[in-house]
PDB file of all heavy atoms in Angstrom:
ATOM      1  N   GLU A   1     105.224 130.126 103.588  1.00  0.00           N
ATOM      2  CA  GLU A   1     104.203 130.719 104.456  1.00  0.00           C
ATOM      3  C   GLU A   1     103.111 131.419 103.644  1.00  0.00           C
ATOM      4  O   GLU A   1     101.925 131.323 103.941  1.00  0.00           O
ATOM      5  CB  GLU A   1     104.852 131.707 105.439  1.00  0.00           C
ATOM      6  CG  GLU A   1     105.733 131.042 106.491  1.00  0.00           C
ATOM      7  CD  GLU A   1     105.057 129.864 107.187  1.00  0.00           C
ATOM      8  OE1 GLU A   1     103.900 130.016 107.622  1.00  0.00           O
ATOM      9  OE2 GLU A   1     105.676 128.794 107.274  1.00  0.00           O
ATOM     10  N   ASN A   2     103.542 132.131 102.608  1.00  0.00           N
ATOM     11  CA  ASN A   2     102.622 132.892 101.763  1.00  0.00           C
ATOM     12  C   ASN A   2     101.612 131.971 101.065  1.00  0.00           C
ATOM     13  O   ASN A   2     100.406 132.222 101.061  1.00  0.00           O
ATOM     14  CB  ASN A   2     103.439 133.668 100.720  1.00  0.00           C
ATOM     15  CG  ASN A   2     102.614 134.698  99.992  1.00  0.00           C
ATOM     16  OD1 ASN A   2     101.540 135.082 100.456  1.00  0.00           O
ATOM     17  ND2 ASN A   2     103.101 135.144  98.863  1.00  0.00           N
ATOM     18  N   VAL A   3     102.122 130.879 100.495  1.00  0.00           N
ATOM     19  CA  VAL A   3     101.242 129.946  99.784  1.00  0.00           C
ATOM     20  C   VAL A   3     100.273 129.288 100.759  1.00  0.00           C
ATOM     21  O   VAL A   3      99.077 129.163 100.490  1.00  0.00           O
ATOM     22  CB  VAL A   3     102.069 128.880  99.008  1.00  0.00           C
ATOM     23  CG1 VAL A   3     101.156 127.797  98.444  1.00  0.00           C
ATOM     24  CG2 VAL A   3     102.859 129.537  97.884  1.00  0.00           C
ATOM     25  N   LYS A   4     100.789 128.894 101.921  1.00  0.00           N
ATOM     26  CA  LYS A   4      99.918 128.250 102.927  1.00  0.00           C
ATOM     27  C   LYS A   4      98.778 129.177 103.356  1.00  0.00           C
ATOM     28  O   LYS A   4      97.666 128.736 103.614  1.00  0.00           O
ATOM     29  CB  LYS A   4     100.742 127.816 104.145  1.00  0.00           C
ATOM     30  CG  LYS A   4     101.564 126.558 103.909  1.00  0.00           C
ATOM     31  CD  LYS A   4     102.346 126.191 105.168  1.00  0.00           C
ATOM     32  CE  LYS A   4     103.107 124.882 104.970  1.00  0.00           C
ATOM     33  NZ  LYS A   4     103.962 124.575 106.139  1.00  0.00           N
ATOM     34  N   GLU A   5      99.064 130.476 103.427  1.00  0.00           N
ATOM     35  CA  GLU A   5      98.048 131.442 103.818  1.00  0.00           C
ATOM     36  C   GLU A   5      96.967 131.611 102.761  1.00  0.00           C
ATOM     37  O   GLU A   5      95.813 131.869 103.050  1.00  0.00           O
ATOM     38  CB  GLU A   5      98.697 132.823 104.044  1.00  0.00           C
ATOM     39  CG  GLU A   5      99.324 133.002 105.407  1.00  0.00           C
ATOM     40  CD  GLU A   5     100.086 134.314 105.484  1.00  0.00           C
ATOM     41  OE1 GLU A   5      99.721 135.266 104.766  1.00  0.00           O
ATOM     42  OE2 GLU A   5     101.062 134.375 106.258  1.00  0.00           O
ATOM     43  N   HIS A   6      97.381 131.490 101.477  1.00  0.00           N
ATOM     44  CA  HIS A   6      96.492 131.886 100.394  1.00  0.00           C
ATOM     45  C   HIS A   6      95.714 130.757  99.741  1.00  0.00           C
ATOM     46  O   HIS A   6      94.833 131.015  98.922  1.00  0.00           O
ATOM     47  CB  HIS A   6      97.294 132.615  99.300  1.00  0.00           C
ATOM     48  CG  HIS A   6      97.623 134.031  99.670  1.00  0.00           C
ATOM     49  ND1 HIS A   6      98.708 134.349 100.439  1.00  0.00           N
ATOM     50  CD2 HIS A   6      96.982 135.199  99.400  1.00  0.00           C
ATOM     51  CE1 HIS A   6      98.738 135.662 100.619  1.00  0.00           C
ATOM     52  NE2 HIS A   6      97.706 136.198 100.006  1.00  0.00           N
ATOM     53  N   ILE A   7      96.043 129.523 100.043  1.00  0.00           N
ATOM     54  CA  ILE A   7      95.313 128.442  99.365  1.00  0.00           C
ATOM     55  C   ILE A   7      94.613 127.536 100.385  1.00  0.00           C
ATOM     56  O   ILE A   7      95.054 127.404 101.518  1.00  0.00           O
ATOM     57  CB  ILE A   7      96.231 127.587  98.449  1.00  0.00           C
ATOM     58  CG1 ILE A   7      97.323 126.874  99.247  1.00  0.00           C
ATOM     59  CG2 ILE A   7      96.829 128.431  97.345  1.00  0.00           C
ATOM     60  CD1 ILE A   7      98.095 125.883  98.428  1.00  0.00           C
ATOM     61  N   GLN A   8      93.546 126.962  99.909  1.00  0.00           N
ATOM     62  CA  GLN A   8      92.764 126.056 100.750  1.00  0.00           C
ATOM     63  C   GLN A   8      93.161 124.592 100.520  1.00  0.00           C
ATOM     64  O   GLN A   8      92.630 123.690 101.140  1.00  0.00           O
ATOM     65  CB  GLN A   8      91.262 126.221 100.456  1.00  0.00           C
ATOM     66  CG  GLN A   8      90.640 127.455 101.089  1.00  0.00           C
ATOM     67  CD  GLN A   8      90.981 128.726 100.329  1.00  0.00           C
ATOM     68  OE1 GLN A   8      90.769 128.787  99.131  1.00  0.00           O
ATOM     69  NE2 GLN A   8      91.513 129.711 101.021  1.00  0.00           N
ATOM     70  N   GLU A   9      94.078 124.371  99.567  1.00  0.00           N
ATOM     71  CA  GLU A   9      94.409 123.005  99.175  1.00  0.00           C
ATOM     72  C   GLU A   9      95.295 122.329 100.235  1.00  0.00           C
ATOM     73  O   GLU A   9      95.932 122.992 101.049  1.00  0.00           O
ATOM     74  CB  GLU A   9      95.145 122.984  97.822  1.00  0.00           C
ATOM     75  CG  GLU A   9      94.582 123.914  96.759  1.00  0.00           C
ATOM     76  CD  GLU A   9      93.120 123.679  96.472  1.00  0.00           C
ATOM     77  OE1 GLU A   9      92.629 122.565  96.710  1.00  0.00           O
ATOM     78  OE2 GLU A   9      92.445 124.614  96.022  1.00  0.00           O
ATOM     79  N   ASN A  10      95.327 121.010 100.147  1.00  0.00           N
ATOM     80  CA  ASN A  10      96.274 120.243 100.960  1.00  0.00           C
ATOM     81  C   ASN A  10      97.708 120.630 100.576  1.00  0.00           C
ATOM     82  O   ASN A  10      98.049 120.693  99.396  1.00  0.00           O
ATOM     83  CB  ASN A  10      96.060 118.744 100.688  1.00  0.00           C
ATOM     84  CG  ASN A  10      97.087 117.882 101.401  1.00  0.00           C
ATOM     85  OD1 ASN A  10      97.256 117.941 102.602  1.00  0.00           O
ATOM     86  ND2 ASN A  10      97.814 117.081 100.622  1.00  0.00           N
ATOM     87  N   VAL A  11      98.538 120.902 101.572  1.00  0.00           N
ATOM     88  CA  VAL A  11      99.958 121.168 101.332  1.00  0.00           C
ATOM     89  C   VAL A  11     100.760 120.035 101.971  1.00  0.00           C
ATOM     90  O   VAL A  11     100.637 119.781 103.170  1.00  0.00           O
ATOM     91  CB  VAL A  11     100.395 122.525 101.919  1.00  0.00           C
ATOM     92  CG1 VAL A  11     101.897 122.733 101.720  1.00  0.00           C
ATOM     93  CG2 VAL A  11      99.604 123.661 101.288  1.00  0.00           C
ATOM     94  N   TYR A  12     101.546 119.352 101.159  1.00  0.00           N
ATOM     95  CA  TYR A  12     102.337 118.242 101.699  1.00  0.00           C
ATOM     96  C   TYR A  12     103.400 118.756 102.668  1.00  0.00           C
ATOM     97  O   TYR A  12     104.013 119.800 102.452  1.00  0.00           O
ATOM     98  CB  TYR A  12     102.978 117.441 100.565  1.00  0.00           C
ATOM     99  CG  TYR A  12     102.024 116.419  99.992  1.00  0.00           C
ATOM    100  CD1 TYR A  12     101.439 116.599  98.746  1.00  0.00           C
ATOM    101  CD2 TYR A  12     101.686 115.298 100.732  1.00  0.00           C
ATOM    102  CE1 TYR A  12     100.544 115.661  98.246  1.00  0.00           C
ATOM    103  CE2 TYR A  12     100.795 114.364 100.248  1.00  0.00           C
ATOM    104  CZ  TYR A  12     100.225 114.542  99.006  1.00  0.00           C
ATOM    105  OH  TYR A  12      99.331 113.628  98.533  1.00  0.00           O
ATOM    106  N   LYS A  13     103.595 118.004 103.744  1.00  0.00           N
ATOM    107  CA  LYS A  13     104.599 118.377 104.749  1.00  0.00           C
ATOM    108  C   LYS A  13     106.009 118.285 104.168  1.00  0.00           C
ATOM    109  O   LYS A  13     106.887 119.078 104.505  1.00  0.00           O
ATOM    110  CB  LYS A  13     104.489 117.461 105.980  1.00  0.00           C
ATOM    111  CG  LYS A  13     103.213 117.641 106.788  1.00  0.00           C
ATOM    112  CD  LYS A  13     103.286 116.828 108.075  1.00  0.00           C
ATOM    113  CE  LYS A  13     101.988 116.926 108.870  1.00  0.00           C
ATOM    114  NZ  LYS A  13     100.896 116.176 108.207  1.00  0.00           N
ATOM    115  N   THR A  14     106.223 117.277 103.328  1.00  0.00           N
ATOM    116  CA  THR A  14     107.543 117.101 102.733  1.00  0.00           C
ATOM    117  C   THR A  14     107.839 118.261 101.786  1.00  0.00           C
ATOM    118  O   THR A  14     107.030 118.620 100.935  1.00  0.00           O
ATOM    119  CB  THR A  14     107.596 115.790 101.930  1.00  0.00           C
ATOM    120  OG1 THR A  14     107.284 114.699 102.805  1.00  0.00           O
ATOM    121  CG2 THR A  14     108.971 115.566 101.328  1.00  0.00           C
ATOM    122  N   ILE A  15     109.023 118.848 101.949  1.00  0.00           N
ATOM    123  CA  ILE A  15     109.475 119.914 101.066  1.00  0.00           C
ATOM    124  C   ILE A  15     110.737 119.416 100.359  1.00  0.00           C
ATOM    125  O   ILE A  15     111.659 118.901 100.991  1.00  0.00           O
ATOM    126  CB  ILE A  15     109.760 121.207 101.865  1.00  0.00           C
ATOM    127  CG1 ILE A  15     108.444 121.744 102.465  1.00  0.00           C
ATOM    128  CG2 ILE A  15     110.447 122.244 101.005  1.00  0.00           C
ATOM    129  CD1 ILE A  15     108.613 122.986 103.324  1.00  0.00           C
ATOM    130  N   ILE A  16     110.736 119.549  99.026  1.00  0.00           N
ATOM    131  CA  ILE A  16     111.861 119.024  98.235  1.00  0.00           C
ATOM    132  C   ILE A  16     112.960 120.084  98.202  1.00  0.00           C
ATOM    133  O   ILE A  16     112.741 121.207  97.736  1.00  0.00           O
ATOM    134  CB  ILE A  16     111.420 118.686  96.799  1.00  0.00           C
ATOM    135  CG1 ILE A  16     110.162 117.788  96.798  1.00  0.00           C
ATOM    136  CG2 ILE A  16     112.576 118.046  96.031  1.00  0.00           C
ATOM    137  CD1 ILE A  16     110.309 116.458  97.506  1.00  0.00           C
ATOM    138  N   PRO A  17     114.165 119.748  98.674  1.00  0.00           N
ATOM    139  CA  PRO A  17     115.216 120.769  98.743  1.00  0.00           C
ATOM    140  C   PRO A  17     115.862 121.023  97.381  1.00  0.00           C
ATOM    141  O   PRO A  17     115.781 120.193  96.471  1.00  0.00           O
ATOM    142  CB  PRO A  17     116.238 120.119  99.686  1.00  0.00           C
ATOM    143  CG  PRO A  17     116.087 118.646  99.445  1.00  0.00           C
ATOM    144  CD  PRO A  17     114.608 118.441  99.185  1.00  0.00           C
ATOM    145  N   ARG A  18     116.477 122.181  97.246  1.00  0.00           N
ATOM    146  CA  ARG A  18     117.353 122.414  96.095  1.00  0.00           C
ATOM    147  C   ARG A  18     118.584 121.545  96.312  1.00  0.00           C
ATOM    148  O   ARG A  18     119.264 121.675  97.326  1.00  0.00           O
ATOM    149  CB  ARG A  18     117.726 123.902  96.020  1.00  0.00           C
ATOM    150  CG  ARG A  18     118.399 124.304  94.742  1.00  0.00           C
ATOM    151  CD  ARG A  18     118.640 125.797  94.709  1.00  0.00           C
ATOM    152  NE  ARG A  18     117.431 126.564  94.454  1.00  0.00           N
ATOM    153  CZ  ARG A  18     116.880 126.723  93.250  1.00  0.00           C
ATOM    154  NH1 ARG A  18     117.413 126.131  92.183  1.00  0.00           N
ATOM    155  NH2 ARG A  18     115.780 127.448  93.107  1.00  0.00           N
ATOM    156  N   ASN A  19     118.882 120.652  95.373  1.00  0.00           N
ATOM    157  CA  ASN A  19     119.869 119.601  95.633  1.00  0.00           C
ATOM    158  C   ASN A  19     120.634 119.278  94.349  1.00  0.00           C
ATOM    159  O   ASN A  19     120.021 118.934  93.332  1.00  0.00           O
ATOM    160  CB  ASN A  19     119.121 118.364  96.161  1.00  0.00           C
ATOM    161  CG  ASN A  19     120.022 117.195  96.500  1.00  0.00           C
ATOM    162  OD1 ASN A  19     119.973 116.169  95.826  1.00  0.00           O
ATOM    163  ND2 ASN A  19     120.824 117.307  97.532  1.00  0.00           N
ATOM    164  N   ILE A  20     121.949 119.414  94.409  1.00  0.00           N
ATOM    165  CA  ILE A  20     122.780 119.213  93.210  1.00  0.00           C
ATOM    166  C   ILE A  20     122.600 117.807  92.650  1.00  0.00           C
ATOM    167  O   ILE A  20     122.462 117.606  91.445  1.00  0.00           O
ATOM    168  CB  ILE A  20     124.285 119.429  93.543  1.00  0.00           C
ATOM    169  CG1 ILE A  20     124.544 120.863  94.011  1.00  0.00           C
ATOM    170  CG2 ILE A  20     125.159 119.094  92.341  1.00  0.00           C
ATOM    171  CD1 ILE A  20     124.365 121.930  92.980  1.00  0.00           C
ATOM    172  N   ARG A  21     122.568 116.816  93.529  1.00  0.00           N
ATOM    173  CA  ARG A  21     122.464 115.416  93.065  1.00  0.00           C
ATOM    174  C   ARG A  21     121.136 115.179  92.347  1.00  0.00           C
ATOM    175  O   ARG A  21     121.066 114.442  91.361  1.00  0.00           O
ATOM    176  CB  ARG A  21     122.598 114.455  94.254  1.00  0.00           C
ATOM    177  CG  ARG A  21     123.832 114.660  95.082  1.00  0.00           C
ATOM    178  CD  ARG A  21     125.113 114.459  94.312  1.00  0.00           C
ATOM    179  NE  ARG A  21     125.520 113.056  94.254  1.00  0.00           N
ATOM    180  CZ  ARG A  21     126.510 112.603  93.469  1.00  0.00           C
ATOM    181  NH1 ARG A  21     127.156 113.427  92.670  1.00  0.00           N
ATOM    182  NH2 ARG A  21     126.817 111.332  93.485  1.00  0.00           N
ATOM    183  N   LEU A  22     120.098 115.832  92.827  1.00  0.00           N
ATOM    184  CA  LEU A  22     118.781 115.741  92.203  1.00  0.00           C
ATOM    185  C   LEU A  22     118.824 116.311  90.788  1.00  0.00           C
ATOM    186  O   LEU A  22     118.220 115.778  89.853  1.00  0.00           O
ATOM    187  CB  LEU A  22     117.782 116.532  93.059  1.00  0.00           C
ATOM    188  CG  LEU A  22     116.307 116.170  93.068  1.00  0.00           C
ATOM    189  CD1 LEU A  22     116.070 114.682  93.255  1.00  0.00           C
ATOM    190  CD2 LEU A  22     115.596 116.963  94.158  1.00  0.00           C
ATOM    191  N   ALA A  23     119.560 117.413  90.614  1.00  0.00           N
ATOM    192  CA  ALA A  23     119.687 118.049  89.303  1.00  0.00           C
ATOM    193  C   ALA A  23     120.543 117.217  88.354  1.00  0.00           C
ATOM    194  O   ALA A  23     120.318 117.217  87.135  1.00  0.00           O
ATOM    195  CB  ALA A  23     120.277 119.447  89.468  1.00  0.00           C
ATOM    196  N   GLU A  24     121.507 116.483  88.898  1.00  0.00           N
ATOM    197  CA  GLU A  24     122.420 115.709  88.050  1.00  0.00           C
ATOM    198  C   GLU A  24     121.805 114.409  87.548  1.00  0.00           C
ATOM    199  O   GLU A  24     122.099 113.955  86.437  1.00  0.00           O
ATOM    200  CB  GLU A  24     123.689 115.353  88.840  1.00  0.00           C
ATOM    201  CG  GLU A  24     124.604 116.514  89.120  1.00  0.00           C
ATOM    202  CD  GLU A  24     125.738 116.144  90.080  1.00  0.00           C
ATOM    203  OE1 GLU A  24     125.714 115.042  90.662  1.00  0.00           O
ATOM    204  OE2 GLU A  24     126.628 116.979  90.229  1.00  0.00           O
ATOM    205  N   ALA A  25     120.945 113.791  88.360  1.00  0.00           N
ATOM    206  CA  ALA A  25     120.463 112.429  88.074  1.00  0.00           C
ATOM    207  C   ALA A  25     119.877 112.242  86.675  1.00  0.00           C
ATOM    208  O   ALA A  25     120.182 111.235  86.002  1.00  0.00           O
ATOM    209  CB  ALA A  25     119.452 111.994  89.147  1.00  0.00           C
ATOM    210  N   PRO A  26     119.030 113.174  86.161  1.00  0.00           N
ATOM    211  CA  PRO A  26     118.427 112.932  84.842  1.00  0.00           C
ATOM    212  C   PRO A  26     119.442 112.786  83.711  1.00  0.00           C
ATOM    213  O   PRO A  26     119.210 112.041  82.752  1.00  0.00           O
ATOM    214  CB  PRO A  26     117.553 114.182  84.618  1.00  0.00           C
ATOM    215  CG  PRO A  26     117.316 114.744  85.956  1.00  0.00           C
ATOM    216  CD  PRO A  26     118.516 114.407  86.774  1.00  0.00           C
TER     217      PRO A  26
END
């Protein structure tokens, strides 16, 4: 909410979750 209030840039609707599998893949 804070970032959306303070910036004029496009904010993508998709939000990347904190995800164990995402951290393991690399």
